[in-house]
């Protein structure tokens, strides 16, 4: 009877020891939301309101991976500090302001009514696990529409893959991929004939 009591007393202690030995620390990561962008050659007399970025429900705080054979999953112990949609919006706001391409850039709903509204969506914010190695893929769809009638003035899709230098380098690779995707978009905006035409249309009406 005494032996049975001792075993029962030791059981909770053994459970705690096993639990501690299998404990995995959760790691949290941030992105660089101030990527370098080239300075625009001229400033368009247009104000832009940046709407919240849309993203599939899988892009929350856990990092997401997928393979060529359609398998996908989450890294249980690797988390973003903020959801990708919030980080991409911050990066877009910073990049458009830093480029000097537009007269004013703010989050939609802040300040005066803009002439243009930027709608952005995340199509991929994944780690790709392939035979050739590990890659970070950032894919964005962006549209600039007129605030007065909703007409699309500019649209662009960016899909950038960056190979990881090694295991544990996913965040660095994703930083590079997101920065390149946004730089591509800003450069394409600057080359848009439709945006220049709209700027010429708006400019005579400004006081």
C-alpha atoms as a PDB file:
ATOM      1  CA  UNK A   1       0.000   0.000   0.000  1.00  0.00           C
ATOM      2  CA  UNK A   2       2.829   2.377   0.894  1.00  0.00           C
ATOM      3  CA  UNK A   3       4.504   1.653  -2.474  1.00  0.00           C
ATOM      4  CA  UNK A   4       1.294   2.523  -4.296  1.00  0.00           C
ATOM      5  CA  UNK A   5       1.001   5.823  -2.393  1.00  0.00           C
ATOM      6  CA  UNK A   6       4.606   6.705  -3.304  1.00  0.00           C
ATOM      7  CA  UNK A   7       3.948   5.998  -6.985  1.00  0.00           C
ATOM      8  CA  UNK A   8       0.821   8.143  -6.951  1.00  0.00           C
ATOM      9  CA  UNK A   9       2.739  10.992  -5.286  1.00  0.00           C
ATOM     10  CA  UNK A  10       5.537  10.801  -7.846  1.00  0.00           C
ATOM     11  CA  UNK A  11       3.222  10.806 -10.880  1.00  0.00           C
ATOM     12  CA  UNK A  12       2.499  14.588 -10.899  1.00  0.00           C
ATOM     13  CA  UNK A  13       6.235  15.295 -10.526  1.00  0.00           C
ATOM     14  CA  UNK A  14       7.085  13.024 -13.456  1.00  0.00           C
ATOM     15  CA  UNK A  15       4.416  14.775 -15.554  1.00  0.00           C
ATOM     16  CA  UNK A  16       5.977  18.163 -14.834  1.00  0.00           C
ATOM     17  CA  UNK A  17       9.463  16.882 -15.729  1.00  0.00           C
ATOM     18  CA  UNK A  18       8.270  15.435 -19.041  1.00  0.00           C
ATOM     19  CA  UNK A  19       6.365  18.633 -19.857  1.00  0.00           C
ATOM     20  CA  UNK A  20       9.409  20.790 -19.174  1.00  0.00           C
ATOM     21  CA  UNK A  21      11.695  18.591 -21.217  1.00  0.00           C
ATOM     22  CA  UNK A  22       9.434  18.928 -24.292  1.00  0.00           C
ATOM     23  CA  UNK A  23       8.823  22.693 -23.963  1.00  0.00           C
ATOM     24  CA  UNK A  24       9.506  24.630 -27.192  1.00  0.00           C
ATOM     25  CA  UNK A  25      10.009  28.376 -27.060  1.00  0.00           C
ATOM     26  CA  UNK A  26       7.901  30.457 -29.441  1.00  0.00           C
ATOM     27  CA  UNK A  27       9.918  32.925 -31.528  1.00  0.00           C
ATOM     28  CA  UNK A  28       8.472  36.224 -32.774  1.00  0.00           C
ATOM     29  CA  UNK A  29       9.709  38.118 -35.828  1.00  0.00           C
ATOM     30  CA  UNK A  30       9.260  41.584 -37.315  1.00  0.00           C
ATOM     31  CA  UNK A  31       9.623  42.801 -40.880  1.00  0.00           C
ATOM     32  CA  UNK A  32      11.343  45.902 -42.199  1.00  0.00           C
ATOM     33  CA  UNK A  33       8.351  48.080 -43.050  1.00  0.00           C
ATOM     34  CA  UNK A  34      10.549  50.897 -44.392  1.00  0.00           C
ATOM     35  CA  UNK A  35      12.056  49.422 -47.564  1.00  0.00           C
ATOM     36  CA  UNK A  36      14.276  51.603 -49.751  1.00  0.00           C
ATOM     37  CA  UNK A  37      12.521  52.999 -52.824  1.00  0.00           C
ATOM     38  CA  UNK A  38      13.859  55.213 -55.629  1.00  0.00           C
ATOM     39  CA  UNK A  39      12.940  58.889 -55.600  1.00  0.00           C
ATOM     40  CA  UNK A  40      10.372  59.817 -58.228  1.00  0.00           C
ATOM     41  CA  UNK A  41      11.438  62.194 -60.977  1.00  0.00           C
ATOM     42  CA  UNK A  42       8.369  64.381 -60.424  1.00  0.00           C
ATOM     43  CA  UNK A  43       5.512  64.690 -57.952  1.00  0.00           C
ATOM     44  CA  UNK A  44       1.984  64.175 -59.242  1.00  0.00           C
ATOM     45  CA  UNK A  45      -0.591  66.622 -57.781  1.00  0.00           C
ATOM     46  CA  UNK A  46      -2.689  63.742 -56.461  1.00  0.00           C
ATOM     47  CA  UNK A  47      -3.562  62.571 -52.966  1.00  0.00           C
ATOM     48  CA  UNK A  48      -3.667  58.855 -52.210  1.00  0.00           C
ATOM     49  CA  UNK A  49      -5.560  57.086 -49.438  1.00  0.00           C
ATOM     50  CA  UNK A  50      -4.206  53.639 -48.614  1.00  0.00           C
ATOM     51  CA  UNK A  51      -6.950  51.208 -47.616  1.00  0.00           C
ATOM     52  CA  UNK A  52      -6.447  48.229 -45.286  1.00  0.00           C
ATOM     53  CA  UNK A  53      -4.659  45.385 -47.052  1.00  0.00           C
ATOM     54  CA  UNK A  54      -6.740  42.303 -47.813  1.00  0.00           C
ATOM     55  CA  UNK A  55      -5.304  38.869 -47.055  1.00  0.00           C
ATOM     56  CA  UNK A  56      -6.552  35.260 -46.897  1.00  0.00           C
ATOM     57  CA  UNK A  57      -7.385  34.005 -43.406  1.00  0.00           C
ATOM     58  CA  UNK A  58      -4.269  31.803 -43.327  1.00  0.00           C
ATOM     59  CA  UNK A  59      -2.079  34.885 -42.976  1.00  0.00           C
ATOM     60  CA  UNK A  60      -2.389  35.729 -39.291  1.00  0.00           C
ATOM     61  CA  UNK A  61       0.542  35.480 -36.883  1.00  0.00           C
ATOM     62  CA  UNK A  62       1.882  31.979 -37.633  1.00  0.00           C
ATOM     63  CA  UNK A  63       4.322  31.590 -40.508  1.00  0.00           C
ATOM     64  CA  UNK A  64       2.945  29.597 -43.427  1.00  0.00           C
ATOM     65  CA  UNK A  65       4.721  27.144 -45.729  1.00  0.00           C
ATOM     66  CA  UNK A  66       3.734  25.110 -48.784  1.00  0.00           C
ATOM     67  CA  UNK A  67       5.275  22.508 -51.069  1.00  0.00           C
ATOM     68  CA  UNK A  68       4.980  21.807 -54.824  1.00  0.00           C
ATOM     69  CA  UNK A  69       2.803  18.742 -54.113  1.00  0.00           C
ATOM     70  CA  UNK A  70       0.056  20.924 -52.589  1.00  0.00           C
ATOM     71  CA  UNK A  71       0.922  20.308 -48.947  1.00  0.00           C
ATOM     72  CA  UNK A  72       0.787  23.295 -46.631  1.00  0.00           C
ATOM     73  CA  UNK A  73       1.039  24.076 -42.958  1.00  0.00           C
ATOM     74  CA  UNK A  74       2.021  26.446 -40.178  1.00  0.00           C
ATOM     75  CA  UNK A  75       5.151  26.724 -38.069  1.00  0.00           C
ATOM     76  CA  UNK A  76       3.806  26.341 -34.553  1.00  0.00           C
ATOM     77  CA  UNK A  77       6.690  28.111 -32.843  1.00  0.00           C
ATOM     78  CA  UNK A  78       7.492  30.813 -35.425  1.00  0.00           C
ATOM     79  CA  UNK A  79       5.178  33.822 -35.372  1.00  0.00           C
ATOM     80  CA  UNK A  80       4.977  37.284 -36.891  1.00  0.00           C
ATOM     81  CA  UNK A  81       4.615  40.090 -34.349  1.00  0.00           C
ATOM     82  CA  UNK A  82       1.919  41.587 -36.616  1.00  0.00           C
ATOM     83  CA  UNK A  83      -0.245  39.967 -39.301  1.00  0.00           C
ATOM     84  CA  UNK A  84       1.313  40.279 -42.779  1.00  0.00           C
ATOM     85  CA  UNK A  85      -1.543  42.549 -43.927  1.00  0.00           C
ATOM     86  CA  UNK A  86      -0.597  45.166 -41.336  1.00  0.00           C
ATOM     87  CA  UNK A  87       3.110  44.967 -42.174  1.00  0.00           C
ATOM     88  CA  UNK A  88       2.462  45.304 -45.917  1.00  0.00           C
ATOM     89  CA  UNK A  89       0.219  48.340 -45.365  1.00  0.00           C
ATOM     90  CA  UNK A  90       2.910  50.051 -43.292  1.00  0.00           C
ATOM     91  CA  UNK A  91       5.488  49.295 -45.983  1.00  0.00           C
ATOM     92  CA  UNK A  92       3.219  50.700 -48.715  1.00  0.00           C
ATOM     93  CA  UNK A  93       2.549  53.893 -46.768  1.00  0.00           C
ATOM     94  CA  UNK A  94       6.239  54.444 -46.105  1.00  0.00           C
ATOM     95  CA  UNK A  95       7.321  53.638 -49.662  1.00  0.00           C
ATOM     96  CA  UNK A  96       4.797  55.896 -51.369  1.00  0.00           C
ATOM     97  CA  UNK A  97       5.631  58.778 -49.033  1.00  0.00           C
ATOM     98  CA  UNK A  98       9.380  58.249 -49.408  1.00  0.00           C
ATOM     99  CA  UNK A  99       9.172  58.091 -53.209  1.00  0.00           C
ATOM    100  CA  UNK A 100       7.672  61.575 -53.438  1.00  0.00           C
ATOM    101  CA  UNK A 101       5.528  60.395 -56.354  1.00  0.00           C
ATOM    102  CA  UNK A 102       2.282  61.811 -54.931  1.00  0.00           C
ATOM    103  CA  UNK A 103       1.423  65.107 -53.292  1.00  0.00           C
ATOM    104  CA  UNK A 104       0.080  63.385 -50.186  1.00  0.00           C
ATOM    105  CA  UNK A 105      -0.197  59.783 -48.963  1.00  0.00           C
ATOM    106  CA  UNK A 106      -2.185  58.817 -45.874  1.00  0.00           C
ATOM    107  CA  UNK A 107      -4.101  55.889 -44.483  1.00  0.00           C
ATOM    108  CA  UNK A 108      -7.615  56.024 -45.916  1.00  0.00           C
ATOM    109  CA  UNK A 109      -9.893  58.056 -43.662  1.00  0.00           C
ATOM    110  CA  UNK A 110      -7.111  60.310 -42.406  1.00  0.00           C
ATOM    111  CA  UNK A 111      -7.073  63.920 -43.588  1.00  0.00           C
ATOM    112  CA  UNK A 112      -8.808  65.356 -46.636  1.00  0.00           C
ATOM    113  CA  UNK A 113     -10.572  63.151 -49.154  1.00  0.00           C
ATOM    114  CA  UNK A 114      -7.991  61.758 -51.606  1.00  0.00           C
ATOM    115  CA  UNK A 115      -8.360  61.670 -55.379  1.00  0.00           C
ATOM    116  CA  UNK A 116      -7.110  58.072 -55.449  1.00  0.00           C
ATOM    117  CA  UNK A 117      -7.645  55.029 -53.229  1.00  0.00           C
ATOM    118  CA  UNK A 118      -5.042  52.265 -53.138  1.00  0.00           C
ATOM    119  CA  UNK A 119      -6.480  48.769 -52.677  1.00  0.00           C
ATOM    120  CA  UNK A 120      -3.919  46.048 -52.029  1.00  0.00           C
ATOM    121  CA  UNK A 121      -4.197  42.323 -51.461  1.00  0.00           C
ATOM    122  CA  UNK A 122      -1.738  39.629 -50.438  1.00  0.00           C
ATOM    123  CA  UNK A 123      -1.745  36.599 -52.742  1.00  0.00           C
ATOM    124  CA  UNK A 124       1.277  34.902 -51.189  1.00  0.00           C
ATOM    125  CA  UNK A 125       3.381  35.445 -48.086  1.00  0.00           C
ATOM    126  CA  UNK A 126       4.785  31.934 -47.976  1.00  0.00           C
ATOM    127  CA  UNK A 127       7.869  29.873 -47.459  1.00  0.00           C
ATOM    128  CA  UNK A 128       8.213  27.524 -50.427  1.00  0.00           C
ATOM    129  CA  UNK A 129       9.777  24.155 -49.628  1.00  0.00           C
ATOM    130  CA  UNK A 130      11.167  22.731 -52.888  1.00  0.00           C
ATOM    131  CA  UNK A 131      13.829  20.299 -54.098  1.00  0.00           C
ATOM    132  CA  UNK A 132      15.899  23.309 -55.159  1.00  0.00           C
ATOM    133  CA  UNK A 133      15.831  24.768 -51.644  1.00  0.00           C
ATOM    134  CA  UNK A 134      13.777  27.104 -49.475  1.00  0.00           C
ATOM    135  CA  UNK A 135      12.302  30.300 -50.896  1.00  0.00           C
ATOM    136  CA  UNK A 136      10.325  33.269 -49.572  1.00  0.00           C
ATOM    137  CA  UNK A 137       7.519  34.338 -51.897  1.00  0.00           C
ATOM    138  CA  UNK A 138       5.682  37.644 -51.660  1.00  0.00           C
ATOM    139  CA  UNK A 139       2.875  38.244 -54.157  1.00  0.00           C
ATOM    140  CA  UNK A 140       0.754  41.399 -54.115  1.00  0.00           C
ATOM    141  CA  UNK A 141      -2.124  42.709 -56.218  1.00  0.00           C
ATOM    142  CA  UNK A 142      -2.541  46.491 -56.168  1.00  0.00           C
ATOM    143  CA  UNK A 143      -5.125  48.841 -57.689  1.00  0.00           C
ATOM    144  CA  UNK A 144      -5.455  52.610 -57.721  1.00  0.00           C
ATOM    145  CA  UNK A 145      -9.018  53.787 -58.259  1.00  0.00           C
ATOM    146  CA  UNK A 146     -10.614  57.206 -58.420  1.00  0.00           C
ATOM    147  CA  UNK A 147     -12.421  58.133 -55.222  1.00  0.00           C
ATOM    148  CA  UNK A 148     -15.177  60.007 -57.087  1.00  0.00           C
ATOM    149  CA  UNK A 149     -16.430  57.217 -59.347  1.00  0.00           C
ATOM    150  CA  UNK A 150     -14.409  54.085 -58.462  1.00  0.00           C
ATOM    151  CA  UNK A 151     -12.840  53.851 -61.932  1.00  0.00           C
ATOM    152  CA  UNK A 152      -9.571  51.914 -61.962  1.00  0.00           C
ATOM    153  CA  UNK A 153      -6.664  54.061 -63.080  1.00  0.00           C
ATOM    154  CA  UNK A 154      -3.771  51.684 -62.423  1.00  0.00           C
ATOM    155  CA  UNK A 155      -3.377  48.002 -61.562  1.00  0.00           C
ATOM    156  CA  UNK A 156      -0.327  45.863 -60.935  1.00  0.00           C
ATOM    157  CA  UNK A 157       0.651  42.373 -59.774  1.00  0.00           C
ATOM    158  CA  UNK A 158       4.016  41.600 -58.202  1.00  0.00           C
ATOM    159  CA  UNK A 159       5.312  38.115 -57.428  1.00  0.00           C
ATOM    160  CA  UNK A 160       8.842  37.885 -56.068  1.00  0.00           C
ATOM    161  CA  UNK A 161      10.729  34.797 -54.880  1.00  0.00           C
ATOM    162  CA  UNK A 162      13.964  35.029 -52.944  1.00  0.00           C
ATOM    163  CA  UNK A 163      16.037  31.976 -52.061  1.00  0.00           C
ATOM    164  CA  UNK A 164      16.973  31.580 -48.416  1.00  0.00           C
ATOM    165  CA  UNK A 165      20.674  31.561 -47.592  1.00  0.00           C
ATOM    166  CA  UNK A 166      20.017  28.648 -45.271  1.00  0.00           C
ATOM    167  CA  UNK A 167      17.769  27.221 -42.625  1.00  0.00           C
ATOM    168  CA  UNK A 168      16.423  29.900 -40.308  1.00  0.00           C
ATOM    169  CA  UNK A 169      16.786  32.680 -42.897  1.00  0.00           C
ATOM    170  CA  UNK A 170      13.154  32.882 -43.964  1.00  0.00           C
ATOM    171  CA  UNK A 171      12.510  36.310 -42.417  1.00  0.00           C
ATOM    172  CA  UNK A 172      15.544  37.853 -44.125  1.00  0.00           C
ATOM    173  CA  UNK A 173      14.456  36.397 -47.461  1.00  0.00           C
ATOM    174  CA  UNK A 174      10.869  37.604 -46.995  1.00  0.00           C
ATOM    175  CA  UNK A 175      12.124  41.090 -46.124  1.00  0.00           C
ATOM    176  CA  UNK A 176      13.939  41.162 -49.450  1.00  0.00           C
ATOM    177  CA  UNK A 177      10.976  39.723 -51.373  1.00  0.00           C
ATOM    178  CA  UNK A 178       8.467  42.202 -49.921  1.00  0.00           C
ATOM    179  CA  UNK A 179      10.803  45.132 -50.539  1.00  0.00           C
ATOM    180  CA  UNK A 180      11.317  44.119 -54.174  1.00  0.00           C
ATOM    181  CA  UNK A 181       7.581  43.605 -54.751  1.00  0.00           C
ATOM    182  CA  UNK A 182       6.779  47.068 -53.427  1.00  0.00           C
ATOM    183  CA  UNK A 183       9.620  48.748 -55.338  1.00  0.00           C
ATOM    184  CA  UNK A 184       8.344  47.130 -58.534  1.00  0.00           C
ATOM    185  CA  UNK A 185       4.873  48.508 -57.854  1.00  0.00           C
ATOM    186  CA  UNK A 186       6.065  52.066 -57.096  1.00  0.00           C
ATOM    187  CA  UNK A 187       8.245  52.096 -60.232  1.00  0.00           C
ATOM    188  CA  UNK A 188       5.292  50.915 -62.313  1.00  0.00           C
ATOM    189  CA  UNK A 189       3.093  53.662 -60.848  1.00  0.00           C
ATOM    190  CA  UNK A 190       5.629  56.289 -61.869  1.00  0.00           C
ATOM    191  CA  UNK A 191       5.559  55.017 -65.444  1.00  0.00           C
ATOM    192  CA  UNK A 192       1.746  55.031 -65.661  1.00  0.00           C
ATOM    193  CA  UNK A 193       0.436  57.232 -68.468  1.00  0.00           C
ATOM    194  CA  UNK A 194      -3.076  57.021 -66.988  1.00  0.00           C
ATOM    195  CA  UNK A 195      -1.891  58.539 -63.703  1.00  0.00           C
ATOM    196  CA  UNK A 196      -0.138  61.378 -65.528  1.00  0.00           C
ATOM    197  CA  UNK A 197      -3.294  62.084 -67.518  1.00  0.00           C
ATOM    198  CA  UNK A 198      -5.375  62.161 -64.348  1.00  0.00           C
ATOM    199  CA  UNK A 199      -2.869  64.528 -62.738  1.00  0.00           C
ATOM    200  CA  UNK A 200      -3.202  66.897 -65.716  1.00  0.00           C
ATOM    201  CA  UNK A 201      -6.980  66.689 -65.414  1.00  0.00           C
ATOM    202  CA  UNK A 202      -6.948  67.445 -61.668  1.00  0.00           C
ATOM    203  CA  UNK A 203      -4.254  70.135 -61.625  1.00  0.00           C
ATOM    204  CA  UNK A 204      -6.241  72.943 -63.359  1.00  0.00           C
ATOM    205  CA  UNK A 205      -9.074  72.488 -60.860  1.00  0.00           C
ATOM    206  CA  UNK A 206      -6.832  72.981 -57.821  1.00  0.00           C
ATOM    207  CA  UNK A 207      -6.734  76.360 -56.168  1.00  0.00           C
END
